[in-house]
Amino acid sequence: MIAKSKNKSNLRNSCLNSGSQWVTEQIDWRMGVEIRDSVIGFFGFGGIGQAIAKRLQSWDVAKILYTTRTRKENDVQFQAEHVPFERLLRESDFLVVAAPLTDETRGKFNAQAFGQMKRSAVFVNVARGGLVNQADLHEALSTGQFLAAGLDVTTPEPLPADSPILKLPNCVVLPHLGTQTMKTTIEMSLLAANNIINAIEGRPMVRSAY
């Protein structure tokens, strides 16, 4: 989200490819999108979505919207509003996908969905690649249907080196590393181990996936 809001990938490429020649005569050549005062939309508002929303509290965002099957009882904690999917698409300046991959959500973000987004919107997927029709995403980004995308997940993983997605200047792709710190890896391992122990002993899981 931050990388694309500040247009960092394009600016880094400018540094690498143009030497000392920056396009300073064009006032908008390095402009990004302000997170402050923006509408942040979440498709899926479980543990990951709420963790992101918690961190956004200090960014002075205008509004947080989310789409899930049912309203979350603790959404008031984040000053978040439960809205239909179509409204989420229309109003979000940043749209964050943080939902599980199910038969219902597979391919949810397709040409029809992308066509309803703001032209200035940034699309972020930290869930699973299968929620997105990647061909439709490439088309939407190539034709300027919305501004940019940040992907921590893709289909397949890893993407082949000649994937058209990797050639887009307005798309940042990371190798599914959202949890790749030592602290988080240890916590995840302990959680999995404790869930297994609880299941064997007939006790509730510490935290379930769904």
C-alpha atoms as a PDB file:
ATOM      1  CA  MET A   1       0.000   0.000   0.000  1.00  0.00           C
ATOM      2  CA  ILE A   2       2.732   2.443   0.987  1.00  0.00           C
ATOM      3  CA  ALA A   3       4.944   1.511  -1.968  1.00  0.00           C
ATOM      4  CA  LYS A   4       2.236   2.277  -4.513  1.00  0.00           C
ATOM      5  CA  SER A   5       0.818   5.277  -2.659  1.00  0.00           C
ATOM      6  CA  LYS A   6       4.220   6.952  -2.987  1.00  0.00           C
ATOM      7  CA  ASN A   7       4.899   5.567  -6.476  1.00  0.00           C
ATOM      8  CA  LYS A   8       8.131   4.073  -5.135  1.00  0.00           C
ATOM      9  CA  SER A   9       8.649   1.364  -7.742  1.00  0.00           C
ATOM     10  CA  ASN A  10       8.476   3.814 -10.638  1.00  0.00           C
ATOM     11  CA  LEU A  11      10.719   6.295  -8.835  1.00  0.00           C
ATOM     12  CA  ARG A  12      13.290   3.602  -8.082  1.00  0.00           C
ATOM     13  CA  ASN A  13      13.278   2.608 -11.749  1.00  0.00           C
ATOM     14  CA  SER A  14      13.863   6.250 -12.651  1.00  0.00           C
ATOM     15  CA  CYS A  15      16.938   6.277 -10.419  1.00  0.00           C
ATOM     16  CA  LEU A  16      18.264   3.036 -11.884  1.00  0.00           C
ATOM     17  CA  ASN A  17      17.522   3.670 -15.542  1.00  0.00           C
ATOM     18  CA  SER A  18      18.002   7.383 -16.061  1.00  0.00           C
ATOM     19  CA  GLY A  19      21.197   8.022 -14.138  1.00  0.00           C
ATOM     20  CA  SER A  20      21.188  11.626 -13.028  1.00  0.00           C
ATOM     21  CA  GLN A  21      18.407  12.631 -15.429  1.00  0.00           C
ATOM     22  CA  TRP A  22      15.221  13.084 -13.439  1.00  0.00           C
ATOM     23  CA  VAL A  23      12.104  14.400 -15.160  1.00  0.00           C
ATOM     24  CA  THR A  24      11.912  17.456 -12.926  1.00  0.00           C
ATOM     25  CA  GLU A  25      10.240  19.615 -15.560  1.00  0.00           C
ATOM     26  CA  GLN A  26       7.078  17.513 -15.172  1.00  0.00           C
ATOM     27  CA  ILE A  27       5.503  18.459 -11.861  1.00  0.00           C
ATOM     28  CA  ASP A  28       3.548  15.198 -11.591  1.00  0.00           C
ATOM     29  CA  TRP A  29       6.302  12.741 -12.549  1.00  0.00           C
ATOM     30  CA  ARG A  30       6.799  11.530  -8.981  1.00  0.00           C
ATOM     31  CA  MET A  31       3.365  12.169  -7.509  1.00  0.00           C
ATOM     32  CA  GLY A  32       1.756   9.481  -5.387  1.00  0.00           C
ATOM     33  CA  VAL A  33      -1.607   9.000  -3.693  1.00  0.00           C
ATOM     34  CA  GLU A  34      -2.209  10.297  -0.179  1.00  0.00           C
ATOM     35  CA  ILE A  35      -3.214   7.692   2.409  1.00  0.00           C
ATOM     36  CA  ARG A  36      -4.259  10.473   4.771  1.00  0.00           C
ATOM     37  CA  ASP A  37      -7.911  11.497   4.242  1.00  0.00           C
ATOM     38  CA  SER A  38      -8.479   8.516   1.945  1.00  0.00           C
ATOM     39  CA  VAL A  39     -11.124   5.793   2.046  1.00  0.00           C
ATOM     40  CA  ILE A  40      -9.625   2.388   2.840  1.00  0.00           C
ATOM     41  CA  GLY A  41     -11.722  -0.595   1.819  1.00  0.00           C
ATOM     42  CA  PHE A  42     -11.255  -4.173   3.007  1.00  0.00           C
ATOM     43  CA  PHE A  43     -12.615  -7.277   1.343  1.00  0.00           C
ATOM     44  CA  GLY A  44     -12.417  -9.538   4.359  1.00  0.00           C
ATOM     45  CA  PHE A  45     -12.058  -8.079   7.833  1.00  0.00           C
ATOM     46  CA  GLY A  46     -10.710 -10.857  10.015  1.00  0.00           C
ATOM     47  CA  GLY A  47      -7.415 -10.940  11.875  1.00  0.00           C
ATOM     48  CA  ILE A  48      -5.252  -9.672   9.010  1.00  0.00           C
ATOM     49  CA  GLY A  49      -7.665  -6.982   7.854  1.00  0.00           C
ATOM     50  CA  GLN A  50      -8.160  -5.711  11.379  1.00  0.00           C
ATOM     51  CA  ALA A  51      -4.412  -5.720  12.054  1.00  0.00           C
ATOM     52  CA  ILE A  52      -3.935  -3.477   9.013  1.00  0.00           C
ATOM     53  CA  ALA A  53      -6.849  -1.266  10.067  1.00  0.00           C
ATOM     54  CA  LYS A  54      -5.318  -0.896  13.532  1.00  0.00           C
ATOM     55  CA  ARG A  55      -2.071   0.366  12.032  1.00  0.00           C
ATOM     56  CA  LEU A  56      -3.949   2.790   9.815  1.00  0.00           C
ATOM     57  CA  GLN A  57      -5.423   4.607  12.825  1.00  0.00           C
ATOM     58  CA  SER A  58      -2.365   6.859  13.013  1.00  0.00           C
ATOM     59  CA  TRP A  59      -2.600   7.751   9.310  1.00  0.00           C
ATOM     60  CA  ASP A  60      -5.723   9.904   9.716  1.00  0.00           C
ATOM     61  CA  VAL A  61      -7.686   8.087   7.037  1.00  0.00           C
ATOM     62  CA  ALA A  62     -11.110   9.495   6.213  1.00  0.00           C
ATOM     63  CA  LYS A  63     -13.054   6.259   6.469  1.00  0.00           C
ATOM     64  CA  ILE A  64     -12.688   2.487   6.680  1.00  0.00           C
ATOM     65  CA  LEU A  65     -15.164   0.313   4.796  1.00  0.00           C
ATOM     66  CA  TYR A  66     -15.320  -3.460   4.735  1.00  0.00           C
ATOM     67  CA  THR A  67     -17.247  -6.226   3.026  1.00  0.00           C
ATOM     68  CA  THR A  68     -17.834  -9.563   4.740  1.00  0.00           C
ATOM     69  CA  ARG A  69     -20.744 -11.979   4.933  1.00  0.00           C
ATOM     70  CA  THR A  70     -21.915 -10.461   8.203  1.00  0.00           C
ATOM     71  CA  ARG A  71     -21.072  -7.362  10.193  1.00  0.00           C
ATOM     72  CA  LYS A  72     -18.194  -7.669  12.665  1.00  0.00           C
ATOM     73  CA  GLU A  73     -19.256  -6.965  16.240  1.00  0.00           C
ATOM     74  CA  ASN A  74     -16.019  -5.109  16.985  1.00  0.00           C
ATOM     75  CA  ASP A  75     -16.018  -2.859  13.891  1.00  0.00           C
ATOM     76  CA  VAL A  76     -16.719   0.199  16.060  1.00  0.00           C
ATOM     77  CA  GLN A  77     -13.213  -0.257  17.468  1.00  0.00           C
ATOM     78  CA  PHE A  78     -11.863   0.665  14.032  1.00  0.00           C
ATOM     79  CA  GLN A  79     -14.650   3.116  13.142  1.00  0.00           C
ATOM     80  CA  ALA A  80     -15.294   0.787  10.218  1.00  0.00           C
ATOM     81  CA  GLU A  81     -18.521   0.486   8.241  1.00  0.00           C
ATOM     82  CA  HIS A  82     -19.915  -2.759   6.841  1.00  0.00           C
ATOM     83  CA  VAL A  83     -20.975  -2.150   3.223  1.00  0.00           C
ATOM     84  CA  PRO A  84     -22.089  -4.122   0.146  1.00  0.00           C
ATOM     85  CA  PHE A  85     -19.387  -5.233  -2.291  1.00  0.00           C
ATOM     86  CA  GLU A  86     -20.457  -2.783  -4.994  1.00  0.00           C
ATOM     87  CA  ARG A  87     -20.126   0.190  -2.656  1.00  0.00           C
ATOM     88  CA  LEU A  88     -16.720  -1.054  -1.514  1.00  0.00           C
ATOM     89  CA  LEU A  89     -15.551  -1.014  -5.128  1.00  0.00           C
ATOM     90  CA  ARG A  90     -16.998   2.417  -5.917  1.00  0.00           C
ATOM     91  CA  GLU A  91     -15.746   4.312  -2.872  1.00  0.00           C
ATOM     92  CA  SER A  92     -12.368   2.814  -1.928  1.00  0.00           C
ATOM     93  CA  ASP A  93      -9.205   4.797  -2.627  1.00  0.00           C
ATOM     94  CA  PHE A  94      -7.211   1.785  -1.438  1.00  0.00           C
ATOM     95  CA  LEU A  95      -8.868  -1.623  -1.708  1.00  0.00           C
ATOM     96  CA  VAL A  96      -7.210  -4.329   0.389  1.00  0.00           C
ATOM     97  CA  VAL A  97      -8.084  -7.987  -0.213  1.00  0.00           C
ATOM     98  CA  ALA A  98      -7.686  -9.964   3.027  1.00  0.00           C
ATOM     99  CA  ALA A  99     -10.250 -12.757   2.712  1.00  0.00           C
ATOM    100  CA  PRO A 100      -9.837 -16.542   2.558  1.00  0.00           C
ATOM    101  CA  LEU A 101     -10.005 -18.318  -0.792  1.00  0.00           C
ATOM    102  CA  THR A 102     -13.290 -20.220  -1.035  1.00  0.00           C
ATOM    103  CA  ASP A 103     -15.640 -21.273  -3.820  1.00  0.00           C
ATOM    104  CA  GLU A 104     -17.544 -18.054  -3.133  1.00  0.00           C
ATOM    105  CA  THR A 105     -14.525 -15.730  -3.303  1.00  0.00           C
ATOM    106  CA  ARG A 106     -12.566 -17.409  -6.111  1.00  0.00           C
ATOM    107  CA  GLY A 107     -12.178 -14.984  -9.018  1.00  0.00           C
ATOM    108  CA  LYS A 108     -14.222 -12.347  -7.170  1.00  0.00           C
ATOM    109  CA  PHE A 109     -12.012  -9.579  -8.505  1.00  0.00           C
ATOM    110  CA  ASN A 110     -12.556  -9.718 -12.229  1.00  0.00           C
ATOM    111  CA  ALA A 111     -13.209  -7.333 -15.105  1.00  0.00           C
ATOM    112  CA  GLN A 112     -16.671  -6.494 -13.796  1.00  0.00           C
ATOM    113  CA  ALA A 113     -15.309  -5.625 -10.347  1.00  0.00           C
ATOM    114  CA  PHE A 114     -12.324  -3.661 -11.638  1.00  0.00           C
ATOM    115  CA  GLY A 115     -14.614  -1.659 -13.898  1.00  0.00           C
ATOM    116  CA  GLN A 116     -16.440  -0.268 -10.852  1.00  0.00           C
ATOM    117  CA  MET A 117     -13.326   1.019  -9.087  1.00  0.00           C
ATOM    118  CA  LYS A 118     -12.096   4.604  -9.060  1.00  0.00           C
ATOM    119  CA  ARG A 119      -9.533   5.418 -11.728  1.00  0.00           C
ATOM    120  CA  SER A 120      -7.338   6.765  -8.914  1.00  0.00           C
ATOM    121  CA  ALA A 121      -7.661   3.632  -6.742  1.00  0.00           C
ATOM    122  CA  VAL A 122      -4.864   1.341  -5.562  1.00  0.00           C
ATOM    123  CA  PHE A 123      -5.609  -2.400  -5.360  1.00  0.00           C
ATOM    124  CA  VAL A 124      -3.743  -4.509  -2.770  1.00  0.00           C
ATOM    125  CA  ASN A 125      -3.956  -8.297  -2.424  1.00  0.00           C
ATOM    126  CA  VAL A 126      -2.460  -9.904   0.693  1.00  0.00           C
ATOM    127  CA  ALA A 127      -4.838 -12.890   0.726  1.00  0.00           C
ATOM    128  CA  ARG A 128      -4.593 -15.527  -2.015  1.00  0.00           C
ATOM    129  CA  GLY A 129      -3.932 -15.150  -5.716  1.00  0.00           C
ATOM    130  CA  GLY A 130      -7.030 -17.151  -6.603  1.00  0.00           C
ATOM    131  CA  LEU A 131      -9.345 -14.346  -5.494  1.00  0.00           C
ATOM    132  CA  VAL A 132      -8.189 -12.362  -8.520  1.00  0.00           C
ATOM    133  CA  ASN A 133      -8.651 -13.025 -12.222  1.00  0.00           C
ATOM    134  CA  GLN A 134      -5.082 -12.172 -13.146  1.00  0.00           C
ATOM    135  CA  ALA A 135      -5.742 -11.672 -16.860  1.00  0.00           C
ATOM    136  CA  ASP A 136      -8.474  -9.163 -16.010  1.00  0.00           C
ATOM    137  CA  LEU A 137      -6.145  -7.456 -13.523  1.00  0.00           C
ATOM    138  CA  HIS A 138      -3.471  -7.079 -16.191  1.00  0.00           C
ATOM    139  CA  GLU A 139      -5.998  -5.621 -18.611  1.00  0.00           C
ATOM    140  CA  ALA A 140      -7.333  -3.175 -16.015  1.00  0.00           C
ATOM    141  CA  LEU A 141      -3.858  -1.949 -15.076  1.00  0.00           C
ATOM    142  CA  SER A 142      -2.726  -1.744 -18.698  1.00  0.00           C
ATOM    143  CA  THR A 143      -5.712   0.356 -19.725  1.00  0.00           C
ATOM    144  CA  GLY A 144      -5.781   2.644 -16.690  1.00  0.00           C
ATOM    145  CA  GLN A 145      -9.062   1.424 -15.225  1.00  0.00           C
ATOM    146  CA  PHE A 146      -7.457   2.082 -11.850  1.00  0.00           C
ATOM    147  CA  LEU A 147      -4.115   3.503 -10.806  1.00  0.00           C
ATOM    148  CA  ALA A 148      -1.935   0.726  -9.417  1.00  0.00           C
ATOM    149  CA  ALA A 149      -1.719  -2.618  -7.637  1.00  0.00           C
ATOM    150  CA  GLY A 150       0.400  -4.198  -4.930  1.00  0.00           C
ATOM    151  CA  LEU A 151       0.437  -8.003  -4.847  1.00  0.00           C
ATOM    152  CA  ASP A 152       1.915 -10.182  -2.121  1.00  0.00           C
ATOM    153  CA  VAL A 153       0.189 -13.198  -3.678  1.00  0.00           C
ATOM    154  CA  THR A 154      -0.276 -14.386  -7.254  1.00  0.00           C
ATOM    155  CA  THR A 155      -1.355 -17.385  -9.315  1.00  0.00           C
ATOM    156  CA  PRO A 156       0.864 -19.321  -9.694  1.00  0.00           C
ATOM    157  CA  GLU A 157       3.562 -18.710  -7.117  1.00  0.00           C
ATOM    158  CA  PRO A 158       6.157 -17.910  -8.156  1.00  0.00           C
ATOM    159  CA  LEU A 159       5.107 -16.196 -11.358  1.00  0.00           C
ATOM    160  CA  PRO A 160       7.072 -17.216 -14.456  1.00  0.00           C
ATOM    161  CA  ALA A 161       9.735 -14.698 -15.398  1.00  0.00           C
ATOM    162  CA  ASP A 162       7.869 -13.771 -18.586  1.00  0.00           C
ATOM    163  CA  SER A 163       4.558 -13.079 -16.823  1.00  0.00           C
ATOM    164  CA  PRO A 164       2.927  -9.910 -18.207  1.00  0.00           C
ATOM    165  CA  ILE A 165       2.088  -8.849 -14.639  1.00  0.00           C
ATOM    166  CA  LEU A 166       5.795  -8.477 -13.844  1.00  0.00           C
ATOM    167  CA  LYS A 167       6.261  -6.071 -16.739  1.00  0.00           C
ATOM    168  CA  LEU A 168       3.679  -3.551 -15.562  1.00  0.00           C
ATOM    169  CA  PRO A 169       5.198  -0.314 -14.209  1.00  0.00           C
ATOM    170  CA  ASN A 170       2.156   0.285 -11.992  1.00  0.00           C
ATOM    171  CA  CYS A 171       2.230  -3.086 -10.224  1.00  0.00           C
ATOM    172  CA  VAL A 172       4.467  -4.113  -7.309  1.00  0.00           C
ATOM    173  CA  VAL A 173       4.798  -7.890  -6.844  1.00  0.00           C
ATOM    174  CA  LEU A 174       6.312  -9.413  -3.702  1.00  0.00           C
ATOM    175  CA  PRO A 175       7.057 -13.132  -3.145  1.00  0.00           C
ATOM    176  CA  HIS A 176       4.346 -13.858  -0.551  1.00  0.00           C
ATOM    177  CA  LEU A 177       6.441 -12.593   2.346  1.00  0.00           C
ATOM    178  CA  GLY A 178       3.946 -10.745   4.514  1.00  0.00           C
ATOM    179  CA  THR A 179       4.872 -12.873   7.535  1.00  0.00           C
ATOM    180  CA  GLN A 180       8.587 -13.193   6.843  1.00  0.00           C
ATOM    181  CA  THR A 181      10.149 -11.990  10.060  1.00  0.00           C
ATOM    182  CA  MET A 182      11.706 -14.276  12.646  1.00  0.00           C
ATOM    183  CA  LYS A 183       9.315 -13.149  15.391  1.00  0.00           C
ATOM    184  CA  THR A 184       6.197 -13.795  13.303  1.00  0.00           C
ATOM    185  CA  THR A 185       7.504 -17.131  12.005  1.00  0.00           C
ATOM    186  CA  ILE A 186       8.105 -18.352  15.574  1.00  0.00           C
ATOM    187  CA  GLU A 187       4.648 -17.172  16.661  1.00  0.00           C
ATOM    188  CA  MET A 188       3.021 -18.961  13.712  1.00  0.00           C
ATOM    189  CA  SER A 189       4.903 -22.182  14.497  1.00  0.00           C
ATOM    190  CA  LEU A 190       3.853 -22.079  18.151  1.00  0.00           C
ATOM    191  CA  LEU A 191       0.254 -21.370  17.168  1.00  0.00           C
ATOM    192  CA  ALA A 192       0.186 -24.355  14.811  1.00  0.00           C
ATOM    193  CA  ALA A 193       1.759 -26.621  17.440  1.00  0.00           C
ATOM    194  CA  ASN A 194      -0.680 -25.532  20.154  1.00  0.00           C
ATOM    195  CA  ASN A 195      -3.636 -26.009  17.797  1.00  0.00           C
ATOM    196  CA  ILE A 196      -2.483 -29.591  17.114  1.00  0.00           C
ATOM    197  CA  ILE A 197      -2.092 -30.311  20.835  1.00  0.00           C
ATOM    198  CA  ASN A 198      -5.532 -28.875  21.589  1.00  0.00           C
ATOM    199  CA  ALA A 199      -7.114 -30.925  18.786  1.00  0.00           C
ATOM    200  CA  ILE A 200      -5.540 -34.139  20.117  1.00  0.00           C
ATOM    201  CA  GLU A 201      -6.751 -33.344  23.628  1.00  0.00           C
ATOM    202  CA  GLY A 202     -10.246 -32.405  22.462  1.00  0.00           C
ATOM    203  CA  ARG A 203      -9.961 -28.735  23.368  1.00  0.00           C
ATOM    204  CA  PRO A 204     -10.859 -25.732  21.171  1.00  0.00           C
ATOM    205  CA  MET A 205      -8.155 -24.459  18.865  1.00  0.00           C
ATOM    206  CA  VAL A 206      -6.244 -21.382  19.980  1.00  0.00           C
ATOM    207  CA  ARG A 207      -7.238 -19.746  16.713  1.00  0.00           C
ATOM    208  CA  SER A 208      -9.086 -21.292  13.809  1.00  0.00           C
ATOM    209  CA  ALA A 209      -8.548 -20.451  10.145  1.00  0.00           C
ATOM    210  CA  TYR A 210     -12.254 -19.929   9.439  1.00  0.00           C
END
